[in-house]
């Protein structure tokens, strides 16, 4: 809850160096909640992408995504795409997607994630690729299959990726229309965005 107070940013940055992984994890999370005003925390968050604790790495990548990293973070985030933990890979991909066209150097690594063992990671990579360059065309069948996922976030992100693809995703329109009856409000909203 302390993260809502922007005056504590220096203390939260200091917490990122704590010996207790929970403190590093929560510090990164609080900085992410602050959002763009926490930009000066980016240099302190980048080393946490290599923290020995997966939850810390995942929260650091999520914080970088929520803060809105710049192109100085692209190399570290690209490296995080090969992390052993899918949450780290997903959050790094989202952060790269939010950076946009300045993250083009991550294209090869993101393309590699289109074949990840984890369906949510594949969909997140496709979403990031399209966010970096709208002319990118990830495989429609993979995204269409992801619309059947048990995970709301996966269905929602796949529908957003397909929507951003435009005419290239026309074959998935019946699947997207089916999602208008989805049990999740967020999924239904993502279909009509």
N, C-alpha and C. Protein backbone atom coordinates (compact mmCIF):
# COMPACT_ATOMS: atom_id res chain seq x y z
N UNK A 1 0.82 -1.21 0.00
CA UNK A 1 0.00 0.00 0.00
C UNK A 1 0.85 1.26 0.00
N UNK A 2 2.08 1.14 0.46
CA UNK A 2 2.97 2.30 0.51
C UNK A 2 3.29 2.80 -0.90
N UNK A 3 3.17 1.90 -1.89
CA UNK A 3 3.49 2.27 -3.26
C UNK A 3 2.60 3.35 -3.82
N UNK A 4 1.43 3.56 -3.22
CA UNK A 4 0.53 4.60 -3.71
C UNK A 4 1.08 6.00 -3.43
N UNK A 5 2.02 6.13 -2.50
CA UNK A 5 2.61 7.41 -2.13
C UNK A 5 3.92 7.59 -2.89
N UNK A 6 3.91 8.47 -3.88
CA UNK A 6 5.07 8.65 -4.75
C UNK A 6 6.30 9.21 -4.03
N UNK A 7 6.11 9.75 -2.84
CA UNK A 7 7.25 10.31 -2.10
C UNK A 7 8.16 9.22 -1.56
N UNK A 8 7.71 7.98 -1.59
CA UNK A 8 8.50 6.88 -1.03
C UNK A 8 9.33 6.16 -2.10
N UNK A 9 9.35 6.68 -3.31
CA UNK A 9 10.10 6.01 -4.38
C UNK A 9 11.55 5.75 -3.99
N UNK A 10 12.27 6.70 -3.40
CA UNK A 10 13.67 6.39 -3.03
C UNK A 10 13.79 5.23 -2.04
N UNK A 11 12.86 5.14 -1.09
CA UNK A 11 12.90 4.03 -0.14
C UNK A 11 12.57 2.71 -0.81
N UNK A 12 11.64 2.73 -1.76
CA UNK A 12 11.30 1.51 -2.48
C UNK A 12 12.47 1.05 -3.35
N UNK A 13 13.17 1.99 -3.95
CA UNK A 13 14.36 1.63 -4.73
C UNK A 13 15.39 0.99 -3.82
N UNK A 14 15.56 1.54 -2.62
CA UNK A 14 16.50 0.95 -1.66
C UNK A 14 16.07 -0.46 -1.28
N UNK A 15 14.76 -0.70 -1.18
CA UNK A 15 14.25 -2.03 -0.80
C UNK A 15 14.60 -3.08 -1.85
N UNK A 16 14.84 -2.67 -3.08
CA UNK A 16 15.18 -3.62 -4.14
C UNK A 16 16.52 -4.32 -3.88
N UNK A 17 17.34 -3.73 -3.01
CA UNK A 17 18.63 -4.32 -2.68
C UNK A 17 18.61 -5.10 -1.37
N UNK A 18 17.44 -5.29 -0.78
CA UNK A 18 17.33 -5.99 0.50
C UNK A 18 17.74 -7.46 0.36
N UNK A 19 18.24 -8.02 1.44
CA UNK A 19 18.64 -9.43 1.42
C UNK A 19 17.45 -10.38 1.44
N UNK A 20 16.30 -9.90 1.87
CA UNK A 20 15.09 -10.72 1.93
C UNK A 20 14.36 -10.63 0.58
N UNK A 21 14.17 -11.79 -0.06
CA UNK A 21 13.54 -11.83 -1.38
C UNK A 21 12.12 -11.26 -1.35
N UNK A 22 11.39 -11.46 -0.26
CA UNK A 22 10.03 -10.93 -0.17
C UNK A 22 10.03 -9.41 -0.21
N UNK A 23 11.04 -8.80 0.41
CA UNK A 23 11.13 -7.33 0.40
C UNK A 23 11.43 -6.85 -1.03
N UNK A 24 12.35 -7.54 -1.73
CA UNK A 24 12.66 -7.17 -3.12
C UNK A 24 11.41 -7.34 -3.99
N UNK A 25 10.73 -8.47 -3.81
CA UNK A 25 9.51 -8.77 -4.56
C UNK A 25 8.46 -7.69 -4.36
N UNK A 26 8.18 -7.36 -3.09
CA UNK A 26 7.16 -6.37 -2.79
C UNK A 26 7.58 -4.96 -3.19
N UNK A 27 8.86 -4.66 -3.08
CA UNK A 27 9.35 -3.35 -3.51
C UNK A 27 9.15 -3.15 -5.01
N UNK A 28 9.47 -4.19 -5.78
CA UNK A 28 9.26 -4.11 -7.23
C UNK A 28 7.77 -3.95 -7.54
N UNK A 29 6.94 -4.71 -6.83
CA UNK A 29 5.50 -4.60 -7.04
C UNK A 29 4.96 -3.21 -6.73
N UNK A 30 5.44 -2.63 -5.64
CA UNK A 30 4.99 -1.28 -5.26
C UNK A 30 5.44 -0.25 -6.30
N UNK A 31 6.66 -0.39 -6.79
CA UNK A 31 7.13 0.53 -7.82
C UNK A 31 6.30 0.39 -9.10
N UNK A 32 5.93 -0.84 -9.44
CA UNK A 32 5.08 -1.04 -10.60
C UNK A 32 3.74 -0.36 -10.43
N UNK A 33 3.19 -0.40 -9.24
CA UNK A 33 1.89 0.23 -8.98
C UNK A 33 1.97 1.75 -9.11
N UNK A 34 3.11 2.30 -8.84
CA UNK A 34 3.28 3.75 -8.99
C UNK A 34 3.19 4.13 -10.45
N UNK A 35 3.65 3.25 -11.32
CA UNK A 35 3.56 3.51 -12.75
C UNK A 35 4.64 4.45 -13.26
N UNK A 36 4.29 5.23 -14.23
CA UNK A 36 5.26 6.09 -14.95
C UNK A 36 6.08 7.00 -14.04
N UNK A 37 5.51 7.39 -12.94
CA UNK A 37 6.25 8.27 -12.02
C UNK A 37 7.43 7.55 -11.37
N UNK A 38 7.48 6.23 -11.50
CA UNK A 38 8.59 5.46 -10.95
C UNK A 38 9.72 5.22 -11.95
N UNK A 39 9.76 5.97 -13.03
CA UNK A 39 10.77 5.76 -14.08
C UNK A 39 12.20 5.78 -13.56
N UNK A 40 12.48 6.57 -12.54
CA UNK A 40 13.86 6.62 -12.04
C UNK A 40 14.25 5.33 -11.33
N UNK A 41 13.31 4.40 -11.16
CA UNK A 41 13.61 3.10 -10.54
C UNK A 41 14.08 2.08 -11.58
N UNK A 42 13.96 2.38 -12.86
CA UNK A 42 14.31 1.42 -13.91
C UNK A 42 15.73 0.88 -13.74
N UNK A 43 16.75 1.72 -13.53
CA UNK A 43 18.10 1.15 -13.38
C UNK A 43 18.25 0.19 -12.20
N UNK A 44 17.46 0.39 -11.15
CA UNK A 44 17.52 -0.51 -9.99
C UNK A 44 16.70 -1.78 -10.22
N UNK A 45 15.70 -1.73 -11.10
CA UNK A 45 14.88 -2.90 -11.38
C UNK A 45 15.56 -3.87 -12.35
N UNK A 46 16.35 -3.34 -13.28
CA UNK A 46 16.97 -4.19 -14.30
C UNK A 46 17.80 -5.34 -13.72
N UNK A 47 18.65 -5.11 -12.71
CA UNK A 47 19.41 -6.24 -12.16
C UNK A 47 18.53 -7.32 -11.53
N UNK A 48 17.33 -6.94 -11.09
CA UNK A 48 16.43 -7.93 -10.49
C UNK A 48 15.90 -8.93 -11.52
N UNK A 49 16.06 -8.63 -12.80
CA UNK A 49 15.66 -9.60 -13.83
C UNK A 49 16.55 -10.84 -13.79
N UNK A 50 17.66 -10.75 -13.05
CA UNK A 50 18.58 -11.88 -12.88
C UNK A 50 18.63 -12.35 -11.42
N UNK A 51 17.65 -11.95 -10.62
CA UNK A 51 17.58 -12.35 -9.21
C UNK A 51 17.49 -13.88 -9.13
N UNK A 52 18.04 -14.49 -8.09
CA UNK A 52 17.95 -15.95 -7.97
C UNK A 52 16.52 -16.46 -7.70
N UNK A 53 15.62 -15.57 -7.29
CA UNK A 53 14.25 -15.97 -6.95
C UNK A 53 13.31 -15.59 -8.10
N UNK A 54 12.63 -16.59 -8.66
CA UNK A 54 11.77 -16.37 -9.83
C UNK A 54 10.69 -15.33 -9.57
N UNK A 55 10.09 -15.34 -8.39
CA UNK A 55 9.02 -14.38 -8.10
C UNK A 55 9.53 -12.95 -8.13
N UNK A 56 10.78 -12.75 -7.70
CA UNK A 56 11.38 -11.41 -7.75
C UNK A 56 11.60 -11.01 -9.20
N UNK A 57 12.14 -11.94 -10.00
CA UNK A 57 12.37 -11.65 -11.42
C UNK A 57 11.05 -11.30 -12.12
N UNK A 58 10.02 -12.08 -11.82
CA UNK A 58 8.71 -11.83 -12.43
C UNK A 58 8.13 -10.49 -12.05
N UNK A 59 8.24 -10.13 -10.78
CA UNK A 59 7.72 -8.83 -10.34
C UNK A 59 8.54 -7.68 -10.90
N UNK A 60 9.84 -7.88 -11.04
CA UNK A 60 10.68 -6.83 -11.63
C UNK A 60 10.27 -6.59 -13.09
N UNK A 61 10.05 -7.67 -13.84
CA UNK A 61 9.62 -7.53 -15.23
C UNK A 61 8.24 -6.87 -15.31
N UNK A 62 7.34 -7.27 -14.40
CA UNK A 62 6.01 -6.67 -14.37
C UNK A 62 6.10 -5.18 -14.04
N UNK A 63 6.96 -4.83 -13.09
CA UNK A 63 7.13 -3.42 -12.73
C UNK A 63 7.65 -2.62 -13.91
N UNK A 64 8.60 -3.19 -14.64
CA UNK A 64 9.14 -2.50 -15.82
C UNK A 64 8.05 -2.29 -16.87
N UNK A 65 7.15 -3.25 -16.99
CA UNK A 65 6.04 -3.11 -17.92
C UNK A 65 5.09 -2.01 -17.45
N UNK A 66 4.75 -2.01 -16.16
CA UNK A 66 3.78 -1.03 -15.64
C UNK A 66 4.36 0.38 -15.61
N UNK A 67 5.65 0.48 -15.33
CA UNK A 67 6.29 1.80 -15.32
C UNK A 67 6.42 2.33 -16.74
N UNK A 68 6.65 1.42 -17.68
CA UNK A 68 6.84 1.83 -19.06
C UNK A 68 8.31 2.08 -19.33
N UNK A 69 9.05 1.02 -19.46
CA UNK A 69 10.49 1.12 -19.69
C UNK A 69 10.78 1.82 -21.00
N UNK A 70 12.04 2.19 -21.17
CA UNK A 70 12.45 2.80 -22.42
C UNK A 70 13.44 1.88 -23.12
N UNK A 71 14.00 2.34 -24.24
CA UNK A 71 14.87 1.46 -25.01
C UNK A 71 16.15 1.07 -24.28
N UNK A 72 16.48 1.74 -23.20
CA UNK A 72 17.66 1.35 -22.41
C UNK A 72 17.45 0.00 -21.72
N UNK A 73 16.20 -0.42 -21.57
CA UNK A 73 15.90 -1.68 -20.90
C UNK A 73 15.74 -2.84 -21.87
N UNK A 74 15.78 -2.58 -23.18
CA UNK A 74 15.48 -3.61 -24.17
C UNK A 74 16.41 -4.81 -24.05
N UNK A 75 17.70 -4.60 -23.92
CA UNK A 75 18.65 -5.72 -23.86
C UNK A 75 18.37 -6.62 -22.66
N UNK A 76 18.15 -6.02 -21.49
CA UNK A 76 17.88 -6.82 -20.28
C UNK A 76 16.55 -7.56 -20.39
N UNK A 77 15.54 -6.89 -20.93
CA UNK A 77 14.24 -7.54 -21.08
C UNK A 77 14.31 -8.66 -22.12
N UNK A 78 15.08 -8.44 -23.17
CA UNK A 78 15.24 -9.49 -24.19
C UNK A 78 15.91 -10.72 -23.58
N UNK A 79 16.91 -10.50 -22.74
CA UNK A 79 17.56 -11.61 -22.05
C UNK A 79 16.56 -12.35 -21.16
N UNK A 80 15.64 -11.61 -20.53
CA UNK A 80 14.66 -12.22 -19.64
C UNK A 80 13.65 -13.10 -20.40
N UNK A 81 13.57 -12.94 -21.70
CA UNK A 81 12.67 -13.78 -22.50
C UNK A 81 13.08 -15.25 -22.48
N UNK A 82 14.33 -15.51 -22.11
CA UNK A 82 14.80 -16.90 -22.04
C UNK A 82 14.81 -17.43 -20.60
N UNK A 83 14.17 -16.73 -19.68
CA UNK A 83 14.11 -17.15 -18.29
C UNK A 83 13.40 -18.51 -18.18
N UNK A 84 13.75 -19.27 -17.17
CA UNK A 84 13.12 -20.58 -16.96
C UNK A 84 11.68 -20.47 -16.48
N UNK A 85 11.30 -19.33 -15.93
CA UNK A 85 9.95 -19.14 -15.38
C UNK A 85 9.05 -18.47 -16.42
N UNK A 86 7.91 -19.07 -16.74
CA UNK A 86 7.04 -18.47 -17.76
C UNK A 86 6.52 -17.09 -17.39
N UNK A 87 6.29 -16.83 -16.11
CA UNK A 87 5.80 -15.50 -15.72
C UNK A 87 6.83 -14.42 -16.04
N UNK A 88 8.10 -14.73 -15.86
CA UNK A 88 9.15 -13.77 -16.19
C UNK A 88 9.16 -13.53 -17.70
N UNK A 89 9.08 -14.61 -18.48
CA UNK A 89 9.07 -14.47 -19.95
C UNK A 89 7.88 -13.63 -20.40
N UNK A 90 6.71 -13.90 -19.81
CA UNK A 90 5.50 -13.17 -20.20
C UNK A 90 5.61 -11.68 -19.86
N UNK A 91 6.04 -11.37 -18.64
CA UNK A 91 6.12 -9.97 -18.23
C UNK A 91 7.20 -9.22 -19.01
N UNK A 92 8.30 -9.90 -19.33
CA UNK A 92 9.34 -9.27 -20.14
C UNK A 92 8.79 -8.98 -21.54
N UNK A 93 8.03 -9.92 -22.10
CA UNK A 93 7.44 -9.71 -23.42
C UNK A 93 6.46 -8.52 -23.39
N UNK A 94 5.64 -8.45 -22.35
CA UNK A 94 4.70 -7.33 -22.24
C UNK A 94 5.44 -6.00 -22.12
N UNK A 95 6.52 -5.99 -21.34
CA UNK A 95 7.30 -4.76 -21.19
C UNK A 95 7.90 -4.34 -22.53
N UNK A 96 8.40 -5.30 -23.29
CA UNK A 96 8.95 -4.99 -24.62
C UNK A 96 7.85 -4.48 -25.55
N UNK A 97 6.69 -5.09 -25.49
CA UNK A 97 5.58 -4.62 -26.30
C UNK A 97 5.18 -3.21 -25.96
N UNK A 98 5.24 -2.88 -24.69
CA UNK A 98 4.89 -1.52 -24.28
C UNK A 98 5.93 -0.50 -24.74
N UNK A 99 7.19 -0.93 -24.83
CA UNK A 99 8.23 -0.03 -25.34
C UNK A 99 7.93 0.32 -26.79
N UNK A 100 7.39 -0.63 -27.52
CA UNK A 100 6.99 -0.36 -28.90
C UNK A 100 8.12 -0.52 -29.89
N UNK A 101 8.13 0.32 -30.90
CA UNK A 101 9.06 0.15 -32.02
C UNK A 101 10.53 0.22 -31.61
N UNK A 102 10.83 0.84 -30.49
CA UNK A 102 12.23 0.87 -30.01
C UNK A 102 12.70 -0.51 -29.55
N UNK A 103 11.79 -1.47 -29.46
CA UNK A 103 12.15 -2.82 -29.01
C UNK A 103 12.28 -3.79 -30.18
N UNK A 104 12.43 -3.29 -31.39
CA UNK A 104 12.54 -4.16 -32.57
C UNK A 104 13.69 -5.15 -32.47
N UNK A 105 14.72 -4.81 -31.75
CA UNK A 105 15.86 -5.73 -31.62
C UNK A 105 15.48 -7.02 -30.88
N UNK A 106 14.33 -7.02 -30.22
CA UNK A 106 13.87 -8.22 -29.50
C UNK A 106 13.02 -9.14 -30.38
N UNK A 107 12.82 -8.77 -31.63
CA UNK A 107 11.95 -9.55 -32.52
C UNK A 107 12.32 -11.02 -32.60
N UNK A 108 13.57 -11.32 -32.79
CA UNK A 108 14.00 -12.71 -32.94
C UNK A 108 13.66 -13.52 -31.70
N UNK A 109 13.97 -12.98 -30.54
CA UNK A 109 13.69 -13.68 -29.28
C UNK A 109 12.18 -13.83 -29.07
N UNK A 110 11.41 -12.80 -29.39
CA UNK A 110 9.95 -12.89 -29.25
C UNK A 110 9.38 -13.91 -30.23
N UNK A 111 9.90 -13.94 -31.44
CA UNK A 111 9.46 -14.93 -32.42
C UNK A 111 9.72 -16.34 -31.89
N UNK A 112 10.84 -16.53 -31.22
CA UNK A 112 11.15 -17.82 -30.62
C UNK A 112 10.12 -18.23 -29.59
N UNK A 113 9.56 -17.27 -28.87
CA UNK A 113 8.55 -17.58 -27.86
C UNK A 113 7.21 -18.01 -28.47
N UNK A 114 7.02 -17.79 -29.76
CA UNK A 114 5.80 -18.26 -30.40
C UNK A 114 5.71 -19.79 -30.37
N UNK A 115 6.84 -20.45 -30.05
CA UNK A 115 6.89 -21.91 -29.96
C UNK A 115 7.12 -22.37 -28.52
N UNK A 116 6.92 -21.48 -27.56
CA UNK A 116 7.12 -21.81 -26.14
C UNK A 116 6.17 -22.94 -25.73
N UNK A 117 6.59 -23.71 -24.75
CA UNK A 117 5.75 -24.81 -24.25
C UNK A 117 4.49 -24.30 -23.56
N UNK A 118 4.51 -23.06 -23.06
CA UNK A 118 3.41 -22.48 -22.31
C UNK A 118 2.54 -21.64 -23.26
N UNK A 119 1.26 -21.98 -23.36
CA UNK A 119 0.37 -21.30 -24.29
C UNK A 119 0.25 -19.81 -23.97
N UNK A 120 0.19 -19.45 -22.71
CA UNK A 120 0.06 -18.03 -22.35
C UNK A 120 1.31 -17.26 -22.77
N UNK A 121 2.46 -17.88 -22.67
CA UNK A 121 3.70 -17.23 -23.12
C UNK A 121 3.67 -17.04 -24.63
N UNK A 122 3.19 -18.03 -25.37
CA UNK A 122 3.09 -17.90 -26.83
C UNK A 122 2.19 -16.74 -27.21
N UNK A 123 1.03 -16.67 -26.57
CA UNK A 123 0.07 -15.60 -26.88
C UNK A 123 0.64 -14.24 -26.49
N UNK A 124 1.29 -14.17 -25.34
CA UNK A 124 1.88 -12.91 -24.89
C UNK A 124 2.96 -12.46 -25.86
N UNK A 125 3.76 -13.39 -26.37
CA UNK A 125 4.78 -13.04 -27.36
C UNK A 125 4.14 -12.49 -28.63
N UNK A 126 3.07 -13.12 -29.08
CA UNK A 126 2.37 -12.64 -30.28
C UNK A 126 1.83 -11.23 -30.05
N UNK A 127 1.24 -11.02 -28.89
CA UNK A 127 0.70 -9.70 -28.55
C UNK A 127 1.82 -8.66 -28.53
N UNK A 128 2.97 -9.02 -27.96
CA UNK A 128 4.11 -8.09 -27.90
C UNK A 128 4.63 -7.78 -29.29
N UNK A 129 4.75 -8.81 -30.14
CA UNK A 129 5.23 -8.58 -31.51
C UNK A 129 4.33 -7.60 -32.25
N UNK A 130 3.03 -7.78 -32.12
CA UNK A 130 2.08 -6.89 -32.78
C UNK A 130 2.15 -5.49 -32.18
N UNK A 131 2.39 -5.39 -30.88
CA UNK A 131 2.50 -4.08 -30.22
C UNK A 131 3.74 -3.33 -30.69
N UNK A 132 4.80 -4.07 -30.99
CA UNK A 132 6.04 -3.45 -31.46
C UNK A 132 5.90 -3.02 -32.92
N UNK A 133 5.24 -3.87 -33.71
CA UNK A 133 5.09 -3.58 -35.13
C UNK A 133 3.76 -4.17 -35.60
N UNK A 134 2.80 -3.31 -35.87
CA UNK A 134 1.45 -3.75 -36.24
C UNK A 134 1.43 -4.57 -37.53
N UNK A 135 2.48 -4.49 -38.34
CA UNK A 135 2.51 -5.27 -39.58
C UNK A 135 2.94 -6.72 -39.34
N UNK A 136 3.34 -7.04 -38.11
CA UNK A 136 3.73 -8.40 -37.76
C UNK A 136 2.50 -9.30 -37.81
N UNK A 137 2.68 -10.49 -38.33
CA UNK A 137 1.56 -11.42 -38.46
C UNK A 137 1.89 -12.75 -37.79
N UNK A 138 1.66 -12.86 -36.47
CA UNK A 138 1.85 -14.15 -35.80
C UNK A 138 0.86 -15.17 -36.36
N UNK A 139 1.10 -16.44 -36.12
CA UNK A 139 0.22 -17.47 -36.68
C UNK A 139 -1.20 -17.42 -36.12
N UNK A 140 -2.15 -17.19 -37.00
CA UNK A 140 -3.55 -17.10 -36.60
C UNK A 140 -4.04 -18.40 -35.95
N UNK A 141 -3.68 -19.59 -36.49
CA UNK A 141 -4.18 -20.82 -35.84
C UNK A 141 -3.76 -20.93 -34.37
N UNK A 142 -2.54 -20.54 -34.04
CA UNK A 142 -2.09 -20.60 -32.64
C UNK A 142 -2.93 -19.67 -31.78
N UNK A 143 -3.20 -18.47 -32.26
CA UNK A 143 -4.00 -17.52 -31.50
C UNK A 143 -5.45 -17.98 -31.41
N UNK A 144 -5.95 -18.53 -32.48
CA UNK A 144 -7.33 -19.04 -32.47
C UNK A 144 -7.47 -20.18 -31.47
N UNK A 145 -6.48 -21.07 -31.43
CA UNK A 145 -6.51 -22.15 -30.43
C UNK A 145 -6.48 -21.60 -29.01
N UNK A 146 -5.72 -20.51 -28.81
CA UNK A 146 -5.60 -19.92 -27.48
C UNK A 146 -6.92 -19.32 -26.99
N UNK A 147 -7.83 -19.04 -27.92
CA UNK A 147 -9.14 -18.53 -27.53
C UNK A 147 -9.93 -19.57 -26.73
N UNK A 148 -9.50 -20.82 -26.77
CA UNK A 148 -10.16 -21.90 -26.04
C UNK A 148 -9.52 -22.16 -24.68
N UNK A 149 -8.51 -21.39 -24.32
CA UNK A 149 -7.78 -21.60 -23.07
C UNK A 149 -8.71 -21.49 -21.87
N UNK A 150 -8.36 -22.21 -20.82
CA UNK A 150 -9.08 -22.11 -19.55
C UNK A 150 -8.77 -20.80 -18.83
N UNK A 151 -7.69 -20.15 -19.21
CA UNK A 151 -7.22 -18.94 -18.53
C UNK A 151 -7.80 -17.70 -19.22
N UNK A 152 -8.55 -16.90 -18.45
CA UNK A 152 -9.18 -15.70 -18.99
C UNK A 152 -8.18 -14.77 -19.67
N UNK A 153 -7.05 -14.55 -19.01
CA UNK A 153 -6.05 -13.63 -19.55
C UNK A 153 -5.54 -14.11 -20.90
N UNK A 154 -5.36 -15.41 -21.06
CA UNK A 154 -4.90 -15.95 -22.33
C UNK A 154 -5.94 -15.72 -23.42
N UNK A 155 -7.21 -16.00 -23.12
CA UNK A 155 -8.27 -15.77 -24.10
C UNK A 155 -8.35 -14.28 -24.47
N UNK A 156 -8.28 -13.43 -23.46
CA UNK A 156 -8.37 -11.99 -23.70
C UNK A 156 -7.21 -11.45 -24.52
N UNK A 157 -6.00 -11.88 -24.17
CA UNK A 157 -4.83 -11.39 -24.89
C UNK A 157 -4.81 -11.92 -26.33
N UNK A 158 -5.24 -13.16 -26.52
CA UNK A 158 -5.31 -13.71 -27.87
C UNK A 158 -6.32 -12.93 -28.72
N UNK A 159 -7.47 -12.58 -28.12
CA UNK A 159 -8.46 -11.82 -28.89
C UNK A 159 -7.95 -10.43 -29.23
N UNK A 160 -7.23 -9.80 -28.33
CA UNK A 160 -6.64 -8.49 -28.63
C UNK A 160 -5.61 -8.59 -29.75
N UNK A 161 -4.78 -9.62 -29.70
CA UNK A 161 -3.77 -9.81 -30.74
C UNK A 161 -4.45 -10.01 -32.10
N UNK A 162 -5.47 -10.84 -32.14
CA UNK A 162 -6.18 -11.06 -33.40
C UNK A 162 -6.84 -9.78 -33.90
N UNK A 163 -7.41 -9.01 -33.00
CA UNK A 163 -8.05 -7.76 -33.40
C UNK A 163 -7.03 -6.79 -33.99
N UNK A 164 -5.85 -6.75 -33.42
CA UNK A 164 -4.81 -5.85 -33.93
C UNK A 164 -4.27 -6.30 -35.28
N UNK A 165 -4.45 -7.58 -35.62
CA UNK A 165 -3.96 -8.09 -36.90
C UNK A 165 -4.86 -7.67 -38.06
N UNK A 166 -6.08 -7.31 -37.78
CA UNK A 166 -6.98 -6.85 -38.84
C UNK A 166 -7.36 -7.97 -39.80
N UNK A 167 -7.32 -7.68 -41.09
CA UNK A 167 -7.76 -8.60 -42.14
C UNK A 167 -7.05 -9.94 -42.10
N UNK A 168 -5.82 -9.96 -41.65
CA UNK A 168 -5.04 -11.21 -41.58
C UNK A 168 -5.69 -12.24 -40.65
N UNK A 169 -6.52 -11.76 -39.74
CA UNK A 169 -7.14 -12.66 -38.75
C UNK A 169 -8.60 -12.93 -39.05
N UNK A 170 -9.02 -12.66 -40.26
CA UNK A 170 -10.43 -12.81 -40.61
C UNK A 170 -10.96 -14.21 -40.34
N UNK A 171 -10.12 -15.23 -40.48
CA UNK A 171 -10.56 -16.61 -40.25
C UNK A 171 -10.98 -16.84 -38.79
N UNK A 172 -10.54 -15.98 -37.89
CA UNK A 172 -10.85 -16.15 -36.47
C UNK A 172 -12.10 -15.39 -36.03
N UNK A 173 -12.75 -14.69 -36.93
CA UNK A 173 -13.92 -13.89 -36.55
C UNK A 173 -15.00 -14.73 -35.88
N UNK A 174 -15.36 -15.91 -36.41
CA UNK A 174 -16.38 -16.71 -35.70
C UNK A 174 -15.97 -17.06 -34.27
N UNK A 175 -14.68 -17.35 -34.07
CA UNK A 175 -14.19 -17.67 -32.73
C UNK A 175 -14.29 -16.45 -31.82
N UNK A 176 -13.96 -15.28 -32.34
CA UNK A 176 -14.04 -14.05 -31.56
C UNK A 176 -15.49 -13.75 -31.20
N UNK A 177 -16.40 -13.94 -32.15
CA UNK A 177 -17.82 -13.69 -31.87
C UNK A 177 -18.33 -14.62 -30.77
N UNK A 178 -17.84 -15.85 -30.75
CA UNK A 178 -18.22 -16.78 -29.67
C UNK A 178 -17.81 -16.24 -28.31
N UNK A 179 -16.69 -15.52 -28.26
CA UNK A 179 -16.20 -14.98 -26.98
C UNK A 179 -17.08 -13.86 -26.44
N UNK A 180 -17.99 -13.33 -27.25
CA UNK A 180 -18.91 -12.32 -26.74
C UNK A 180 -19.86 -12.90 -25.69
N UNK A 181 -19.90 -14.23 -25.61
CA UNK A 181 -20.71 -14.91 -24.59
C UNK A 181 -19.83 -15.51 -23.49
N UNK A 182 -18.56 -15.11 -23.44
CA UNK A 182 -17.63 -15.63 -22.45
C UNK A 182 -18.08 -15.25 -21.05
N UNK A 183 -17.75 -16.09 -20.07
CA UNK A 183 -18.12 -15.83 -18.68
C UNK A 183 -17.34 -14.65 -18.08
N UNK A 184 -16.21 -14.31 -18.67
CA UNK A 184 -15.37 -13.24 -18.15
C UNK A 184 -15.69 -11.90 -18.81
N UNK A 185 -15.97 -10.90 -17.99
CA UNK A 185 -16.21 -9.54 -18.50
C UNK A 185 -15.01 -9.05 -19.30
N UNK A 186 -13.81 -9.29 -18.78
CA UNK A 186 -12.59 -8.80 -19.43
C UNK A 186 -12.43 -9.42 -20.81
N UNK A 187 -12.72 -10.70 -20.94
CA UNK A 187 -12.60 -11.35 -22.24
C UNK A 187 -13.59 -10.74 -23.21
N UNK A 188 -14.84 -10.59 -22.78
CA UNK A 188 -15.86 -9.98 -23.66
C UNK A 188 -15.44 -8.57 -24.07
N UNK A 189 -14.89 -7.82 -23.13
CA UNK A 189 -14.44 -6.46 -23.43
C UNK A 189 -13.31 -6.45 -24.45
N UNK A 190 -12.39 -7.42 -24.33
CA UNK A 190 -11.26 -7.45 -25.25
C UNK A 190 -11.69 -7.76 -26.67
N UNK A 191 -12.81 -8.44 -26.84
CA UNK A 191 -13.29 -8.76 -28.17
C UNK A 191 -13.79 -7.51 -28.88
N UNK A 192 -14.37 -6.60 -28.13
CA UNK A 192 -14.99 -5.42 -28.77
C UNK A 192 -14.13 -4.17 -28.70
N UNK A 193 -12.89 -4.32 -28.31
CA UNK A 193 -12.00 -3.15 -28.23
C UNK A 193 -11.67 -2.68 -29.63
